């Protein structure tokens, strides 16, 4: 249970259990990352920007067999594990990210299912589990993909989504796959704020923060640090919070969340 003065609420929530800053690397000791990289034909000529972005994000982590490991999973019509499991070798990860675009449709669910199976078979019990989905559009089968994502989240996997030149209409499709969704998406609620945040000072909940996008693929460089901040999870911290209480009558007023 946490109790937070309202004036500090917004700032503190965005710093909980994360150890990355806007200009630093992630210092969480142990993370297994499944990087689901869209390889569908629509990525086109901008794919080199996406590759550079993925390599830049990886470079923010301490890659080694005992620190952060990365599995590069590429998906289009099918999904392929290009690193053959989690790798703690920077060169292996870079080489697989440099492979050319394969083309095909956007069967995102195949990558999510592959990642979930990999975490079950090769994930370290003492490491945080993170799935980073980088895509330029909605899945070919949205319902099937949402089901796969829910199963992954239920298994304790944190899902972060990155939209690369995805457009307004594709945004919600990927947001619905990610962790820490606002109630309006997660439960069909009409209020986009978490419970208890309808009174002043208004909606300051950090929900929906596990998705971000760039207007163009070349603009992805501008969100690298934001992605790393969200992706820098500590083992056992999955950012799945309960609902907020109403404001207390004390001075200063507080809300609680657990």
Protein backbone atom coordinates (compact mmCIF):
# COMPACT_ATOMS: atom_id res chain seq x y z
CA UNK A 1 0.00 0.00 0.00
CA UNK A 2 1.30 3.47 -0.83
CA UNK A 3 0.01 6.83 0.43
CA UNK A 4 1.01 9.88 -1.59
CA UNK A 5 0.42 13.62 -1.07
CA UNK A 6 -1.35 14.96 -4.14
CA UNK A 7 1.38 17.47 -4.96
CA UNK A 8 3.94 14.68 -5.25
CA UNK A 9 1.68 12.10 -6.86
CA UNK A 10 2.47 12.60 -10.52
CA UNK A 11 6.23 12.81 -10.08
CA UNK A 12 6.63 9.86 -7.76
CA UNK A 13 4.50 7.50 -9.77
CA UNK A 14 6.64 7.93 -12.81
CA UNK A 15 9.80 7.12 -10.86
CA UNK A 16 8.63 3.99 -9.04
CA UNK A 17 11.13 1.13 -9.17
CA UNK A 18 12.78 2.32 -12.35
CA UNK A 19 16.49 2.96 -12.58
CA UNK A 20 16.86 4.73 -15.93
CA UNK A 21 16.99 8.48 -16.47
CA UNK A 22 16.61 10.57 -19.60
CA UNK A 23 20.30 10.37 -20.39
CA UNK A 24 21.49 7.20 -18.65
CA UNK A 25 21.46 3.51 -19.34
CA UNK A 26 19.25 1.00 -17.54
CA UNK A 27 20.98 -0.30 -14.42
CA UNK A 28 18.47 -2.97 -13.44
CA UNK A 29 20.62 -6.01 -12.77
CA UNK A 30 18.70 -8.81 -14.45
CA UNK A 31 16.21 -8.52 -17.33
CA UNK A 32 15.23 -10.97 -20.05
CA UNK A 33 13.92 -9.05 -23.08
CA UNK A 34 11.98 -10.59 -25.95
CA UNK A 35 12.20 -8.07 -28.77
CA UNK A 36 9.31 -8.63 -31.20
CA UNK A 37 10.32 -6.80 -34.36
CA UNK A 38 7.81 -6.33 -37.18
CA UNK A 39 9.21 -7.68 -40.45
CA UNK A 40 6.08 -7.25 -42.56
CA UNK A 41 6.27 -5.77 -46.04
CA UNK A 42 4.75 -2.44 -44.98
CA UNK A 43 7.91 -1.56 -43.03
CA UNK A 44 9.44 -0.79 -46.43
CA UNK A 45 12.30 1.64 -46.90
CA UNK A 46 12.01 2.95 -43.33
CA UNK A 47 13.08 -0.38 -41.89
CA UNK A 48 16.69 0.75 -41.52
CA UNK A 49 15.50 3.47 -39.11
CA UNK A 50 13.66 0.83 -37.09
CA UNK A 51 16.78 -1.35 -36.99
CA UNK A 52 18.85 1.59 -35.76
CA UNK A 53 16.25 2.38 -33.10
CA UNK A 54 16.21 -1.22 -31.85
CA UNK A 55 20.02 -1.29 -31.63
CA UNK A 56 20.07 2.04 -29.80
CA UNK A 57 17.53 0.79 -27.24
CA UNK A 58 19.52 -2.40 -26.66
CA UNK A 59 22.69 -0.36 -26.19
CA UNK A 60 21.14 1.27 -23.12
CA UNK A 61 21.19 -2.05 -21.26
CA UNK A 62 24.11 -4.01 -19.81
CA UNK A 63 24.16 -7.03 -22.11
CA UNK A 64 25.72 -10.17 -20.64
CA UNK A 65 24.66 -13.72 -19.71
CA UNK A 66 24.20 -12.58 -16.09
CA UNK A 67 22.67 -9.10 -16.63
CA UNK A 68 20.33 -8.29 -19.54
CA UNK A 69 19.72 -10.92 -22.21
CA UNK A 70 17.82 -10.26 -25.44
CA UNK A 71 15.97 -12.58 -27.80
CA UNK A 72 15.35 -11.01 -31.22
CA UNK A 73 12.09 -12.41 -32.55
CA UNK A 74 11.01 -11.21 -35.99
CA UNK A 75 7.44 -11.58 -37.19
CA UNK A 76 5.53 -11.19 -40.41
CA UNK A 77 3.42 -14.05 -41.78
CA UNK A 78 5.31 -16.33 -39.36
CA UNK A 79 7.66 -15.66 -36.43
CA UNK A 80 11.35 -16.51 -36.23
CA UNK A 81 13.76 -16.57 -33.28
CA UNK A 82 16.87 -15.11 -34.91
CA UNK A 83 19.06 -15.29 -31.80
CA UNK A 84 18.01 -18.88 -30.98
CA UNK A 85 16.86 -17.95 -27.50
CA UNK A 86 18.01 -15.24 -25.12
CA UNK A 87 21.49 -13.96 -25.88
CA UNK A 88 23.95 -12.13 -23.66
CA UNK A 89 26.25 -11.41 -26.59
CA UNK A 90 26.04 -7.88 -28.01
CA UNK A 91 27.49 -8.90 -31.36
CA UNK A 92 24.97 -11.69 -31.87
CA UNK A 93 22.09 -9.33 -31.08
CA UNK A 94 23.42 -6.63 -33.40
CA UNK A 95 24.04 -9.07 -36.24
CA UNK A 96 20.48 -10.40 -36.10
CA UNK A 97 19.01 -6.89 -35.95
CA UNK A 98 20.98 -6.05 -39.10
CA UNK A 99 19.36 -8.83 -41.12
CA UNK A 100 17.25 -7.55 -44.05
CA UNK A 101 13.48 -7.23 -44.09
CA UNK A 102 11.65 -10.44 -44.98
CA UNK A 103 8.19 -9.09 -45.84
CA UNK A 104 4.78 -10.66 -45.35
CA UNK A 105 1.68 -9.97 -43.26
CA UNK A 106 1.51 -8.81 -39.61
CA UNK A 107 0.83 -11.88 -37.49
CA UNK A 108 1.85 -10.22 -34.23
CA UNK A 109 0.25 -12.96 -32.15
CA UNK A 110 2.78 -15.48 -33.43
CA UNK A 111 5.63 -13.46 -31.96
CA UNK A 112 3.81 -12.97 -28.64
CA UNK A 113 3.16 -16.70 -28.38
CA UNK A 114 6.78 -17.48 -29.27
CA UNK A 115 8.03 -15.02 -26.66
CA UNK A 116 5.74 -16.43 -23.97
CA UNK A 117 7.00 -19.96 -24.69
CA UNK A 118 10.60 -18.73 -24.60
CA UNK A 119 10.14 -17.10 -21.21
CA UNK A 120 8.62 -20.34 -19.91
CA UNK A 121 11.46 -22.51 -21.24
CA UNK A 122 14.52 -20.26 -20.98
CA UNK A 123 13.61 -17.28 -18.80
CA UNK A 124 15.54 -16.84 -15.58
CA UNK A 125 13.45 -17.11 -12.43
CA UNK A 126 15.28 -14.17 -10.84
CA UNK A 127 15.04 -11.87 -13.88
CA UNK A 128 12.36 -9.40 -14.93
CA UNK A 129 10.48 -10.47 -18.05
CA UNK A 130 9.92 -7.83 -20.72
CA UNK A 131 8.40 -8.05 -24.19
CA UNK A 132 9.08 -5.08 -26.47
CA UNK A 133 6.88 -4.99 -29.58
CA UNK A 134 8.02 -2.66 -32.38
CA UNK A 135 5.55 -2.43 -35.27
CA UNK A 136 4.19 -0.08 -37.93
CA UNK A 137 0.58 -1.23 -37.93
CA UNK A 138 -2.31 -3.16 -36.48
CA UNK A 139 -2.06 -6.95 -36.30
CA UNK A 140 -3.61 -8.98 -39.10
CA UNK A 141 -5.80 -10.67 -36.47
CA UNK A 142 -6.49 -8.20 -33.65
CA UNK A 143 -8.66 -10.51 -31.52
CA UNK A 144 -6.17 -13.34 -31.62
CA UNK A 145 -3.34 -10.94 -30.80
CA UNK A 146 -5.16 -9.39 -27.83
CA UNK A 147 -5.82 -12.89 -26.46
CA UNK A 148 -2.14 -13.81 -26.81
CA UNK A 149 -1.08 -10.57 -25.12
CA UNK A 150 -3.48 -11.10 -22.22
CA UNK A 151 -2.09 -14.59 -21.68
CA UNK A 152 1.45 -13.19 -21.68
CA UNK A 153 0.57 -10.47 -19.18
CA UNK A 154 -1.18 -13.03 -16.99
CA UNK A 155 2.08 -15.01 -17.01
CA UNK A 156 3.86 -11.99 -15.49
CA UNK A 157 5.42 -10.58 -18.67
CA UNK A 158 5.58 -6.80 -19.00
CA UNK A 159 4.60 -5.72 -22.52
CA UNK A 160 5.78 -2.41 -23.97
CA UNK A 161 4.59 -1.35 -27.43
CA UNK A 162 6.31 1.03 -29.86
CA UNK A 163 4.51 2.34 -32.92
CA UNK A 164 6.74 3.28 -35.85
CA UNK A 165 4.83 5.62 -38.17
CA UNK A 166 1.73 3.74 -37.09
CA UNK A 167 -0.89 6.46 -37.53
CA UNK A 168 -3.81 7.40 -35.31
CA UNK A 169 -5.99 4.41 -36.14
CA UNK A 170 -3.29 1.83 -35.45
CA UNK A 171 -2.39 3.27 -32.07
CA UNK A 172 -5.23 1.73 -30.07
CA UNK A 173 -4.66 -1.68 -31.64
CA UNK A 174 -1.16 -1.84 -30.15
CA UNK A 175 -2.05 -0.04 -26.92
CA UNK A 176 -4.54 -2.83 -26.18
CA UNK A 177 -1.64 -5.30 -26.10
CA UNK A 178 0.45 -3.47 -23.51
CA UNK A 179 0.73 -3.52 -19.73
CA UNK A 180 -0.83 -0.93 -17.39
CA UNK A 181 -3.79 0.03 -19.57
CA UNK A 182 -6.28 2.67 -18.45
CA UNK A 183 -9.72 1.33 -17.45
CA UNK A 184 -11.37 2.74 -20.58
CA UNK A 185 -9.40 0.21 -22.63
CA UNK A 186 -9.05 -2.56 -20.09
CA UNK A 187 -12.66 -2.77 -18.89
CA UNK A 188 -14.72 -0.68 -21.27
CA UNK A 189 -15.21 2.06 -18.64
CA UNK A 190 -16.30 5.47 -19.86
CA UNK A 191 -13.95 7.34 -17.52
CA UNK A 192 -10.37 7.31 -18.88
CA UNK A 193 -8.94 7.90 -15.40
CA UNK A 194 -8.29 5.29 -12.75
CA UNK A 195 -10.94 4.93 -10.04
CA UNK A 196 -10.64 7.78 -7.53
CA UNK A 197 -9.08 10.22 -9.98
CA UNK A 198 -12.28 11.90 -11.15
CA UNK A 199 -12.06 14.68 -8.54
CA UNK A 200 -9.52 17.53 -8.52
CA UNK A 201 -6.66 17.67 -9.41
CA UNK A 202 -8.01 15.65 -12.29
CA UNK A 203 -6.61 12.72 -14.21
CA UNK A 204 -2.95 12.27 -13.32
CA UNK A 205 -2.84 8.49 -13.49
CA UNK A 206 0.21 7.10 -15.33
CA UNK A 207 -1.80 4.36 -17.02
CA UNK A 208 -1.38 3.75 -20.77
CA UNK A 209 2.31 4.59 -20.31
CA UNK A 210 3.58 1.31 -21.78
CA UNK A 211 2.91 2.44 -25.33
CA UNK A 212 4.57 5.24 -27.27
CA UNK A 213 5.03 6.06 -30.92
CA UNK A 214 6.85 8.25 -33.41
CA UNK A 215 5.19 10.08 -36.30
CA UNK A 216 7.73 8.71 -38.76
CA UNK A 217 10.28 5.92 -38.54
CA UNK A 218 13.07 8.52 -38.67
CA UNK A 219 11.54 10.14 -35.55
CA UNK A 220 12.04 7.00 -33.44
CA UNK A 221 15.34 8.40 -32.17
CA UNK A 222 13.35 10.95 -30.19
CA UNK A 223 11.65 8.36 -27.97
CA UNK A 224 14.63 6.11 -27.17
CA UNK A 225 15.06 7.33 -23.60
CA UNK A 226 11.31 7.21 -22.92
CA UNK A 227 11.18 3.59 -24.09
CA UNK A 228 14.19 2.66 -21.97
CA UNK A 229 12.67 4.28 -18.88
CA UNK A 230 9.55 2.15 -19.20
CA UNK A 231 11.48 -0.96 -20.23
CA UNK A 232 13.93 -0.72 -17.33
CA UNK A 233 11.94 -2.95 -14.98
CA UNK A 234 13.19 -4.47 -11.76
CA UNK A 235 12.62 -8.19 -11.13
CA UNK A 236 9.18 -8.75 -9.61
CA UNK A 237 7.90 -5.26 -10.49
CA UNK A 238 5.27 -5.57 -13.21
CA UNK A 239 3.55 -2.18 -12.83
CA UNK A 240 0.13 -3.76 -12.33
CA UNK A 241 -1.51 -1.48 -9.76
CA UNK A 242 -4.95 -1.66 -8.19
CA UNK A 243 -7.51 1.14 -8.30
CA UNK A 244 -7.05 4.47 -6.55
CA UNK A 245 -9.11 5.36 -3.50
CA UNK A 246 -11.04 8.62 -3.30
CA UNK A 247 -9.38 11.68 -1.83
CA UNK A 248 -9.06 11.63 1.96
CA UNK A 249 -10.37 14.47 4.12
CA UNK A 250 -6.96 15.04 5.68
CA UNK A 251 -4.77 18.06 5.00
CA UNK A 252 -2.90 17.53 2.76
CA UNK A 253 -5.35 15.26 1.00
CA UNK A 254 -4.05 11.84 -0.09
CA UNK A 255 -5.04 8.91 -2.26
CA UNK A 256 -3.90 5.32 -1.82
CA UNK A 257 -3.13 2.57 -4.28
CA UNK A 258 -1.73 -0.93 -3.80
